[in-house]
Amino acid sequence: MQYLHTMVRVSDLDASLHFYCDLLGLTEISRKDSEKGRFTLVFLAAPGDEARAREDRAPMVELTHNWDPEEYTGGRNFGHLAYRVDDIYALCEHLQANGVTINRPPRDGHMAFVKSPDGISVELLQAGDAQPPKEPWASMENTGSW
């Protein structure tokens, strides 16, 4: 058995690509538009997984955008995506500066949660040992659900 990808449905492909690629730093590996099925599939990989994603088609996130508007609920029911990051504080600062709410701040220097434009929970985990606690994160309260 081999893990391939996780699919999440997105309502606004441009907003989702901005979040996942421009802000989180994922790379678009492939894209498929289906006129007959009226959807677009976009496969994304973390920079550290890009070569493997291109070679083995894994591990990736598949964004599925149905062209006909639909309301998607249950982002929290899905669970979450998780990414190991080089500097959790720098990434959270970058996300926050670009309008992303840090739902669970990295108070411990190890873990944070944010949400995509469609309410998909994304866990960020510090690579290696936790960083020492740092303000404003150390005293920041949770916001919303994650």
C-alpha atoms as a PDB file:
ATOM      1  CA  MET A   1       0.000   0.000   0.000  1.00  0.00           C
ATOM      2  CA  GLN A   2       1.201   3.517  -0.777  1.00  0.00           C
ATOM      3  CA  TYR A   3      -0.286   6.849   0.333  1.00  0.00           C
ATOM      4  CA  LEU A   4      -1.137   8.896  -2.761  1.00  0.00           C
ATOM      5  CA  HIS A   5      -3.104  12.041  -1.945  1.00  0.00           C
ATOM      6  CA  THR A   6      -5.839  13.690   0.061  1.00  0.00           C
ATOM      7  CA  MET A   7      -8.678  15.348  -1.848  1.00  0.00           C
ATOM      8  CA  VAL A   8     -10.426  18.477  -0.605  1.00  0.00           C
ATOM      9  CA  ARG A   9     -13.229  20.248  -2.424  1.00  0.00           C
ATOM     10  CA  VAL A  10     -12.745  23.975  -2.887  1.00  0.00           C
ATOM     11  CA  SER A  11     -15.308  26.596  -3.796  1.00  0.00           C
ATOM     12  CA  ASP A  12     -12.893  29.295  -5.066  1.00  0.00           C
ATOM     13  CA  LEU A  13      -9.915  27.803  -6.878  1.00  0.00           C
ATOM     14  CA  ASP A  14      -7.983  31.083  -7.070  1.00  0.00           C
ATOM     15  CA  ALA A  15      -8.377  31.784  -3.336  1.00  0.00           C
ATOM     16  CA  SER A  16      -7.386  28.200  -2.533  1.00  0.00           C
ATOM     17  CA  LEU A  17      -4.295  28.307  -4.768  1.00  0.00           C
ATOM     18  CA  HIS A  18      -3.294  31.621  -3.166  1.00  0.00           C
ATOM     19  CA  PHE A  19      -3.561  30.023   0.292  1.00  0.00           C
ATOM     20  CA  TYR A  20      -1.906  26.685  -0.470  1.00  0.00           C
ATOM     21  CA  CYS A  21       0.756  27.889  -2.957  1.00  0.00           C
ATOM     22  CA  ASP A  22       1.477  31.573  -2.315  1.00  0.00           C
ATOM     23  CA  LEU A  23       1.081  31.503   1.459  1.00  0.00           C
ATOM     24  CA  LEU A  24       1.856  27.931   2.564  1.00  0.00           C
ATOM     25  CA  GLY A  25       4.433  27.388  -0.183  1.00  0.00           C
ATOM     26  CA  LEU A  26       3.070  24.241  -1.884  1.00  0.00           C
ATOM     27  CA  THR A  27       3.911  23.647  -5.552  1.00  0.00           C
ATOM     28  CA  GLU A  28       1.407  22.871  -8.292  1.00  0.00           C
ATOM     29  CA  ILE A  29       2.369  19.509  -9.795  1.00  0.00           C
ATOM     30  CA  SER A  30      -0.446  19.040 -12.300  1.00  0.00           C
ATOM     31  CA  ARG A  31      -3.849  20.314 -13.342  1.00  0.00           C
ATOM     32  CA  LYS A  32      -6.710  18.743 -15.255  1.00  0.00           C
ATOM     33  CA  ASP A  33      -9.852  20.471 -16.517  1.00  0.00           C
ATOM     34  CA  SER A  34     -12.811  18.262 -17.391  1.00  0.00           C
ATOM     35  CA  GLU A  35     -15.363  19.985 -19.633  1.00  0.00           C
ATOM     36  CA  LYS A  36     -17.622  16.929 -19.532  1.00  0.00           C
ATOM     37  CA  GLY A  37     -17.486  16.547 -15.741  1.00  0.00           C
ATOM     38  CA  ARG A  38     -17.397  20.339 -15.171  1.00  0.00           C
ATOM     39  CA  PHE A  39     -14.519  20.254 -12.689  1.00  0.00           C
ATOM     40  CA  THR A  40     -10.843  21.097 -12.304  1.00  0.00           C
ATOM     41  CA  LEU A  41      -8.338  18.956 -10.380  1.00  0.00           C
ATOM     42  CA  VAL A  42      -5.127  20.546  -9.132  1.00  0.00           C
ATOM     43  CA  PHE A  43      -2.462  18.411  -7.452  1.00  0.00           C
ATOM     44  CA  LEU A  44      -0.097  20.130  -4.999  1.00  0.00           C
ATOM     45  CA  ALA A  45       3.018  18.959  -3.168  1.00  0.00           C
ATOM     46  CA  ALA A  46       5.152  20.380  -0.395  1.00  0.00           C
ATOM     47  CA  PRO A  47       8.564  21.573  -1.659  1.00  0.00           C
ATOM     48  CA  GLY A  48      10.315  18.693   0.129  1.00  0.00           C
ATOM     49  CA  ASP A  49       7.994  16.202  -1.591  1.00  0.00           C
ATOM     50  CA  GLU A  50       8.021  17.745  -5.076  1.00  0.00           C
ATOM     51  CA  ALA A  51      10.438  15.274  -6.708  1.00  0.00           C
ATOM     52  CA  ARG A  52       8.616  12.285  -5.267  1.00  0.00           C
ATOM     53  CA  ALA A  53       5.242  13.736  -6.287  1.00  0.00           C
ATOM     54  CA  ARG A  54       6.417  14.154  -9.873  1.00  0.00           C
ATOM     55  CA  GLU A  55       7.962  10.674  -9.943  1.00  0.00           C
ATOM     56  CA  ASP A  56       5.542   8.567  -7.861  1.00  0.00           C
ATOM     57  CA  ARG A  57       2.479  10.869  -7.892  1.00  0.00           C
ATOM     58  CA  ALA A  58       2.605  10.941  -4.064  1.00  0.00           C
ATOM     59  CA  PRO A  59       2.208  12.425  -1.476  1.00  0.00           C
ATOM     60  CA  MET A  60      -0.039  15.251  -2.618  1.00  0.00           C
ATOM     61  CA  VAL A  61      -3.131  17.292  -1.903  1.00  0.00           C
ATOM     62  CA  GLU A  62      -5.765  17.241  -4.632  1.00  0.00           C
ATOM     63  CA  LEU A  63      -7.905  20.363  -4.871  1.00  0.00           C
ATOM     64  CA  THR A  64     -11.204  19.545  -6.582  1.00  0.00           C
ATOM     65  CA  HIS A  65     -13.084  22.553  -7.925  1.00  0.00           C
ATOM     66  CA  ASN A  66     -16.573  21.814  -9.237  1.00  0.00           C
ATOM     67  CA  TRP A  67     -17.536  24.524 -11.697  1.00  0.00           C
ATOM     68  CA  ASP A  68     -21.183  24.569 -10.651  1.00  0.00           C
ATOM     69  CA  PRO A  69     -21.529  26.307  -7.267  1.00  0.00           C
ATOM     70  CA  GLU A  70     -22.079  24.002  -4.293  1.00  0.00           C
ATOM     71  CA  GLU A  71     -21.979  24.627  -0.574  1.00  0.00           C
ATOM     72  CA  TYR A  72     -19.424  22.504   1.224  1.00  0.00           C
ATOM     73  CA  THR A  73     -19.750  21.915   4.934  1.00  0.00           C
ATOM     74  CA  GLY A  74     -17.878  19.822   7.438  1.00  0.00           C
ATOM     75  CA  GLY A  75     -14.312  21.087   6.968  1.00  0.00           C
ATOM     76  CA  ARG A  76     -13.660  20.208  10.600  1.00  0.00           C
ATOM     77  CA  ASN A  77     -15.187  16.736  10.106  1.00  0.00           C
ATOM     78  CA  PHE A  78     -12.527  16.090   7.488  1.00  0.00           C
ATOM     79  CA  GLY A  79      -9.813  16.293  10.133  1.00  0.00           C
ATOM     80  CA  HIS A  80      -6.747  18.174   8.948  1.00  0.00           C
ATOM     81  CA  LEU A  81      -3.749  18.309   6.659  1.00  0.00           C
ATOM     82  CA  ALA A  82      -0.353  18.430   8.387  1.00  0.00           C
ATOM     83  CA  TYR A  83       2.955  19.876   7.177  1.00  0.00           C
ATOM     84  CA  ARG A  84       6.396  19.937   8.791  1.00  0.00           C
ATOM     85  CA  VAL A  85       7.873  23.439   8.445  1.00  0.00           C
ATOM     86  CA  ASP A  86      11.391  24.842   8.845  1.00  0.00           C
ATOM     87  CA  ASP A  87      10.399  27.877  10.942  1.00  0.00           C
ATOM     88  CA  ILE A  88       6.925  27.826  12.453  1.00  0.00           C
ATOM     89  CA  TYR A  89       7.174  31.405  13.717  1.00  0.00           C
ATOM     90  CA  ALA A  90       8.233  32.814  10.349  1.00  0.00           C
ATOM     91  CA  LEU A  91       5.484  30.942   8.505  1.00  0.00           C
ATOM     92  CA  CYS A  92       2.803  32.020  11.009  1.00  0.00           C
ATOM     93  CA  GLU A  93       4.007  35.636  10.719  1.00  0.00           C
ATOM     94  CA  HIS A  94       3.823  35.370   6.910  1.00  0.00           C
ATOM     95  CA  LEU A  95       0.336  33.857   6.995  1.00  0.00           C
ATOM     96  CA  GLN A  96      -0.963  36.400   9.513  1.00  0.00           C
ATOM     97  CA  ALA A  97       0.506  39.309   7.518  1.00  0.00           C
ATOM     98  CA  ASN A  98      -1.484  38.023   4.547  1.00  0.00           C
ATOM     99  CA  GLY A  99      -4.815  37.903   6.372  1.00  0.00           C
ATOM    100  CA  VAL A 100      -4.827  34.282   7.555  1.00  0.00           C
ATOM    101  CA  THR A 101      -6.143  33.769  11.085  1.00  0.00           C
ATOM    102  CA  ILE A 102      -3.842  31.710  13.280  1.00  0.00           C
ATOM    103  CA  ASN A 103      -6.527  29.590  14.970  1.00  0.00           C
ATOM    104  CA  ARG A 104      -4.118  27.792  17.301  1.00  0.00           C
ATOM    105  CA  PRO A 105      -0.955  29.891  17.701  1.00  0.00           C
ATOM    106  CA  PRO A 106       2.447  28.191  18.064  1.00  0.00           C
ATOM    107  CA  ARG A 107       2.652  28.965  21.789  1.00  0.00           C
ATOM    108  CA  ASP A 108       4.876  25.935  22.348  1.00  0.00           C
ATOM    109  CA  GLY A 109       7.154  26.663  19.378  1.00  0.00           C
ATOM    110  CA  HIS A 110       6.053  23.352  17.903  1.00  0.00           C
ATOM    111  CA  MET A 111       2.468  23.335  16.605  1.00  0.00           C
ATOM    112  CA  ALA A 112      -0.027  25.738  15.045  1.00  0.00           C
ATOM    113  CA  PHE A 113      -3.328  25.424  13.164  1.00  0.00           C
ATOM    114  CA  VAL A 114      -4.784  27.604  10.408  1.00  0.00           C
ATOM    115  CA  LYS A 115      -7.677  27.115   7.995  1.00  0.00           C
ATOM    116  CA  SER A 116      -7.890  27.262   4.228  1.00  0.00           C
ATOM    117  CA  PRO A 117     -10.469  29.504   2.524  1.00  0.00           C
ATOM    118  CA  ASP A 118     -12.832  26.484   2.549  1.00  0.00           C
ATOM    119  CA  GLY A 119     -12.396  25.778   6.262  1.00  0.00           C
ATOM    120  CA  ILE A 120      -9.952  22.880   5.915  1.00  0.00           C
ATOM    121  CA  SER A 121      -7.856  22.685   9.066  1.00  0.00           C
ATOM    122  CA  VAL A 122      -4.091  22.737   8.398  1.00  0.00           C
ATOM    123  CA  GLU A 123      -1.634  21.729  11.119  1.00  0.00           C
ATOM    124  CA  LEU A 124       1.870  23.206  11.014  1.00  0.00           C
ATOM    125  CA  LEU A 125       4.587  21.325  12.916  1.00  0.00           C
ATOM    126  CA  GLN A 126       8.069  22.673  13.610  1.00  0.00           C
ATOM    127  CA  ALA A 127      10.793  20.482  12.088  1.00  0.00           C
ATOM    128  CA  GLY A 128      13.150  19.072  14.701  1.00  0.00           C
ATOM    129  CA  ASP A 129      12.938  20.344  18.252  1.00  0.00           C
ATOM    130  CA  ALA A 130      10.390  22.954  19.270  1.00  0.00           C
ATOM    131  CA  GLN A 131      11.583  26.537  19.131  1.00  0.00           C
ATOM    132  CA  PRO A 132      11.764  28.441  22.437  1.00  0.00           C
ATOM    133  CA  PRO A 133       8.481  30.233  23.288  1.00  0.00           C
ATOM    134  CA  LYS A 134       8.320  33.641  21.606  1.00  0.00           C
ATOM    135  CA  GLU A 135       5.928  36.571  21.749  1.00  0.00           C
ATOM    136  CA  PRO A 136       3.395  37.397  20.506  1.00  0.00           C
ATOM    137  CA  TRP A 137       2.717  33.688  20.047  1.00  0.00           C
ATOM    138  CA  ALA A 138       3.420  32.551  23.616  1.00  0.00           C
ATOM    139  CA  SER A 139       0.532  34.549  25.082  1.00  0.00           C
ATOM    140  CA  MET A 140      -1.836  34.509  22.096  1.00  0.00           C
ATOM    141  CA  GLU A 141      -5.226  32.857  22.644  1.00  0.00           C
ATOM    142  CA  ASN A 142      -6.910  30.402  20.273  1.00  0.00           C
ATOM    143  CA  THR A 143      -9.284  31.909  17.711  1.00  0.00           C
ATOM    144  CA  GLY A 144     -12.301  29.942  16.525  1.00  0.00           C
ATOM    145  CA  SER A 145     -12.061  26.215  15.962  1.00  0.00           C
ATOM    146  CA  TRP A 146      -9.242  24.203  14.476  1.00  0.00           C
END
